[in-house]
Protein backbone atom coordinates (compact mmCIF):
# COMPACT_ATOMS: atom_id res chain seq x y z
CA MET A 1 0.01 0.05 -0.19
CA GLU A 2 1.20 3.43 -0.80
CA ALA A 3 1.72 6.19 1.52
CA VAL A 4 -0.41 8.97 0.83
CA ASP A 5 0.56 12.47 1.74
CA ALA A 6 -1.62 14.32 3.73
CA PRO A 7 -2.63 17.81 2.11
CA PRO A 8 -0.95 20.97 3.87
CA ILE A 9 -2.07 22.66 6.65
CA ARG A 10 -3.69 25.37 5.82
CA GLU A 11 -2.44 28.63 8.34
CA PRO A 12 -5.29 30.88 9.21
CA SER A 13 -5.52 33.65 7.34
CA GLU A 14 -3.79 36.73 9.00
CA PRO A 15 -6.91 39.62 9.15
CA ARG A 16 -6.55 42.51 7.03
CA ARG A 17 -4.43 45.39 8.20
CA PRO A 18 -5.95 48.78 8.96
CA ARG A 19 -6.15 50.79 6.32
CA VAL A 20 -5.28 54.38 6.61
CA LEU A 21 -5.76 57.08 3.69
CA VAL A 22 -3.27 60.35 3.34
CA VAL A 23 -4.39 62.83 1.68
CA ASP A 24 -2.10 65.72 1.23
CA ASP A 25 -0.92 67.86 -1.81
CA ASP A 26 2.51 67.78 -0.10
CA PRO A 27 4.53 64.98 -1.40
CA ASP A 28 6.86 65.26 1.98
CA ILE A 29 3.98 65.19 4.53
CA ARG A 30 2.22 62.16 2.80
CA LEU A 31 5.91 60.13 2.33
CA ILE A 32 6.56 60.99 6.34
CA CYS A 33 3.10 60.47 7.58
CA ALA A 34 2.66 56.94 5.29
CA THR A 35 6.43 55.84 6.58
CA ASN A 36 5.66 56.16 9.99
CA LEU A 37 2.16 54.28 9.55
CA ARG A 38 3.67 51.67 7.82
CA LEU A 39 6.22 50.91 10.54
CA ASP A 40 3.36 50.73 12.94
CA GLY A 41 1.80 47.59 10.79
CA PHE A 42 -1.17 49.68 9.04
CA ASP A 43 -1.41 49.73 4.91
CA VAL A 44 -1.68 53.06 3.46
CA ILE A 45 -2.88 54.74 0.71
CA GLU A 46 -1.82 57.88 -0.66
CA ALA A 47 -3.96 60.61 -2.46
CA ALA A 48 -2.40 64.31 -3.69
CA ASP A 49 -5.86 66.26 -3.54
CA GLY A 50 -9.07 65.90 -2.40
CA GLN A 51 -11.06 64.72 -5.18
CA GLU A 52 -8.49 61.55 -5.56
CA GLY A 53 -8.91 61.47 -1.78
CA LEU A 54 -12.71 60.59 -2.14
CA ASP A 55 -12.21 58.73 -4.91
CA CYS A 56 -9.81 56.21 -2.75
CA VAL A 57 -12.29 56.44 -0.28
CA TYR A 58 -14.96 54.89 -2.15
CA GLY A 59 -12.66 52.69 -4.32
CA ALA A 60 -10.20 51.53 -1.50
CA ASP A 61 -12.43 51.34 1.79
CA PRO A 62 -10.01 52.98 4.12
CA ASP A 63 -10.68 52.35 8.14
CA LEU A 64 -9.38 56.37 8.53
CA VAL A 65 -8.52 59.32 6.50
CA LEU A 66 -6.15 61.20 7.32
CA LEU A 67 -6.61 64.86 5.34
CA ASP A 68 -5.09 68.16 5.27
CA ILE A 69 -7.72 71.55 4.80
CA CYS A 70 -5.83 73.23 2.24
CA MET A 71 -5.61 70.98 -1.26
CA PRO A 72 -6.36 71.58 -4.94
CA VAL A 73 -9.43 70.76 -6.57
CA LEU A 74 -11.29 69.33 -3.57
CA ASP A 75 -10.33 70.69 -0.45
CA GLY A 76 -10.41 68.95 3.46
CA PHE A 77 -13.83 70.34 4.05
CA GLY A 78 -15.08 69.31 0.60
CA LEU A 79 -13.89 66.19 1.29
CA ALA A 80 -15.32 65.48 4.68
CA ALA A 81 -18.69 66.76 3.88
CA ALA A 82 -18.72 63.72 1.10
CA VAL A 83 -17.66 61.00 3.14
CA ARG A 84 -20.02 61.87 5.83
CA HIS A 85 -22.80 62.18 2.88
CA THR A 86 -22.88 58.74 2.16
CA GLU A 87 -23.94 55.85 4.31
CA ARG A 88 -21.28 53.42 3.23
CA THR A 89 -18.66 55.51 4.49
CA ARG A 90 -19.98 57.98 6.93
CA ASP A 91 -18.41 56.20 10.26
CA VAL A 92 -14.57 56.30 9.15
CA PRO A 93 -12.84 58.69 11.30
CA LEU A 94 -11.17 61.59 9.78
CA VAL A 95 -8.31 63.19 11.36
CA PHE A 96 -7.19 66.19 9.93
CA LEU A 97 -3.85 67.11 9.78
CA THR A 98 -3.21 71.14 9.29
CA GLY A 99 -1.64 74.26 8.41
CA GLU A 100 -4.78 76.00 9.72
CA ALA A 101 -3.87 76.55 13.12
CA SER A 102 -7.24 78.75 14.40
CA ARG A 103 -9.46 78.09 16.47
CA GLU A 104 -12.03 78.61 14.45
CA ILE A 105 -10.69 76.16 11.63
CA GLU A 106 -10.78 73.73 14.15
CA GLU A 107 -14.05 73.92 15.30
CA ARG A 108 -15.16 73.94 11.39
CA ALA A 109 -13.41 70.47 11.36
CA PHE A 110 -14.83 68.77 14.56
CA ALA A 111 -18.15 70.14 13.43
CA VAL A 112 -17.83 67.70 10.25
CA GLY A 113 -17.00 64.95 12.55
CA ALA A 114 -13.17 64.79 12.86
CA ALA A 115 -12.05 62.45 15.32
CA GLY A 116 -8.72 64.22 15.40
CA TYR A 117 -7.05 67.12 14.64
CA PHE A 118 -3.42 68.17 14.50
CA THR A 119 -1.33 71.09 13.02
CA LYS A 120 1.74 71.91 11.28
CA PRO A 121 4.42 71.02 12.46
CA PHE A 122 3.25 68.05 13.95
CA ASP A 123 4.74 64.73 15.65
CA PRO A 124 4.88 61.74 12.86
CA ALA A 125 4.77 59.68 15.64
CA ALA A 126 1.80 61.02 18.03
CA VAL A 127 -0.32 61.35 14.90
CA SER A 128 0.43 57.39 14.00
CA ARG A 129 -0.15 56.63 17.86
CA PHE A 130 -3.45 58.13 17.38
CA VAL A 131 -4.62 56.56 14.36
CA ALA A 132 -3.39 53.43 16.16
CA ASP A 133 -5.26 54.52 19.42
CA ILE A 134 -8.61 54.96 17.19
CA LEU A 135 -8.07 51.59 14.84
CA VAL A 136 -6.67 49.16 17.22
CA GLY A 137 -7.47 50.42 20.58
CA SER A 138 -4.18 49.73 22.23
CA ARG A 139 -2.33 52.77 23.58
CA PRO A 140 -3.93 55.88 25.37
CA ALA A 141 -4.22 58.77 23.25
CA PRO A 142 -2.18 61.44 22.98
CA ASP A 143 -3.75 64.95 22.99
CA ALA A 144 -5.48 65.51 19.81
CA THR A 145 -4.70 69.03 19.25
CA ALA A 146 -0.57 68.53 19.40
């Protein structure tokens, strides 16, 4: 009687890593954020303006959007409004990362549903920790107005 090889043991598939969309017209900001987020175990998608970001929201189903306010084509508030307007995406956390440091702009960001608001210049590690707190819940949240 011939020996029959047992079928290979299948490892359970790994759960999908949380996906973060970084939307900023400054390629250096995208690079800094994407690098830190990837090092912290996130999948990262990048977009250079609000419209491209909106297309990514609908096409890539990110778990969180990190976005600038002042961008060409569609600004961050327009992107946020569109995300909140669609039932499928309305609960996606939005974290603003912007050079707009006024209290009025910050209040407007939270009024459209921001989960966080960081002003430039920023600590990339603090942003990544904040994102991890929202998506993984494994770390205490830093001060989001840093």
